[in-house]
Protein backbone atom coordinates (compact mmCIF):
# COMPACT_ATOMS: atom_id res chain seq x y z
CA MET A 1 8.36 -14.65 1.81
CA VAL A 2 6.93 -11.63 0.57
CA ARG A 3 8.14 -9.40 -2.32
CA HIS A 4 7.51 -5.34 -2.44
CA LEU A 5 7.57 -3.73 -5.71
CA VAL A 6 7.41 -0.19 -6.44
CA LEU A 7 7.48 2.10 -9.68
CA TRP A 8 8.16 5.80 -9.64
CA ALA A 9 7.98 8.15 -12.24
CA LEU A 10 10.31 11.02 -11.72
CA LYS A 11 9.12 14.72 -12.13
CA PRO A 12 9.97 15.93 -15.64
CA GLU A 13 12.65 18.28 -14.43
CA GLU A 14 14.49 15.40 -12.76
CA LYS A 15 14.34 12.78 -15.65
CA ASP A 16 17.93 14.14 -17.13
CA HIS A 17 19.37 13.13 -13.68
CA ALA A 18 17.89 9.41 -13.87
CA ASP A 19 21.20 7.53 -13.70
CA ARG A 20 22.45 9.63 -10.77
CA ILE A 21 19.05 9.55 -8.85
CA ALA A 22 18.81 5.67 -9.40
CA ARG A 23 22.55 5.33 -8.08
CA GLU A 24 21.79 7.42 -4.97
CA LEU A 25 18.74 5.78 -3.99
CA ARG A 26 20.04 2.51 -4.57
CA GLN A 27 22.57 3.38 -1.78
CA LYS A 28 19.99 4.51 0.50
CA PHE A 29 17.95 1.62 0.26
CA GLN A 30 20.84 -0.71 0.51
CA SER A 31 21.62 0.80 3.89
CA LEU A 32 18.35 -0.45 5.24
CA LEU A 33 19.39 -4.03 4.92
CA GLY A 34 20.55 -5.05 8.47
CA VAL A 35 18.61 -2.16 9.96
CA VAL A 36 14.73 -3.09 9.23
CA ASP A 37 14.02 -6.40 10.83
CA GLY A 38 12.88 -8.80 8.05
CA LEU A 39 14.12 -6.89 5.01
CA GLU A 40 16.32 -9.63 3.16
CA ALA A 41 17.02 -8.01 -0.23
CA VAL A 42 16.72 -4.80 -2.05
CA GLU A 43 17.16 -3.94 -5.58
CA LEU A 44 16.70 -0.67 -7.25
CA GLY A 45 17.35 0.35 -10.95
CA ARG A 46 16.17 2.65 -13.98
CA ASN A 47 13.86 1.21 -16.13
CA TYR A 48 15.54 1.62 -19.65
CA ALA A 49 12.58 -0.11 -21.58
CA GLY A 50 10.73 3.20 -21.56
CA GLY A 51 7.02 3.62 -20.25
CA ASP A 52 5.31 5.50 -17.60
CA TYR A 53 7.64 4.98 -14.66
CA ASP A 54 11.58 5.53 -14.35
CA LEU A 55 12.60 3.56 -11.41
CA VAL A 56 11.94 0.22 -9.89
CA LEU A 57 12.32 -0.93 -6.30
CA ASN A 58 12.07 -4.56 -5.34
CA CYS A 59 12.45 -5.85 -2.00
CA MET A 60 11.95 -9.37 -0.38
CA PHE A 61 10.68 -9.63 3.17
CA ALA A 62 10.73 -12.49 5.54
CA THR A 63 6.96 -12.16 6.23
CA LYS A 64 3.98 -9.90 5.59
CA GLU A 65 4.46 -8.49 9.04
CA ALA A 66 7.98 -7.44 8.37
CA ALA A 67 6.76 -5.91 5.10
CA GLN A 68 3.97 -3.90 7.15
CA ALA A 69 6.51 -2.86 9.75
CA TYR A 70 9.03 -1.38 7.18
CA GLN A 71 6.14 1.21 6.02
CA THR A 72 6.40 2.97 9.39
CA HIS A 73 10.17 2.25 10.02
CA PRO A 74 12.07 5.46 10.74
CA ALA A 75 14.87 4.66 8.16
CA HIS A 76 12.49 3.93 5.46
CA LEU A 77 10.42 7.13 6.07
CA ALA A 78 13.74 9.12 6.01
CA VAL A 79 14.41 7.52 2.36
CA LYS A 80 10.67 7.89 1.32
CA SER A 81 10.85 11.72 2.28
CA VAL A 82 13.81 11.94 -0.32
CA ILE A 83 12.05 10.06 -3.00
CA HIS A 84 8.84 12.20 -2.54
CA THR A 85 10.93 15.31 -3.75
CA LEU A 86 11.80 13.49 -6.89
CA ILE A 87 8.63 11.94 -8.00
CA CYS A 88 5.17 13.00 -9.70
CA ALA A 89 3.80 9.30 -9.77
CA ARG A 90 3.94 5.87 -7.91
CA THR A 91 2.49 2.63 -8.23
CA SER A 92 3.16 -0.42 -5.94
CA ALA A 93 2.24 -4.36 -5.40
CA ASP A 94 2.94 -6.90 -2.76
CA TYR A 95 2.85 -10.45 -3.10
CA GLU A 96 3.66 -13.77 -1.45
CA LEU A 97 5.94 -16.12 -2.72
């Protein structure tokens, strides 16, 4: 099993809409279940504790290969293109369980 974590900072002009953005992105990422091979679970939420990042994505993949294939999957790329219009910073980490 592989966990893929992503944290995003929203652009300043989007911060007032963080709750709505989180709900909409959660739906978009959950729609990838059953579409992206090896994607087994998806969670997306708003960071309520403050700090540099506003949104957190947590994905679980069956294998490293599935996590790598996800990066270029057309359905993921479509969601990613939406995210890039909303954010000003991103960080991520992947690890095996």
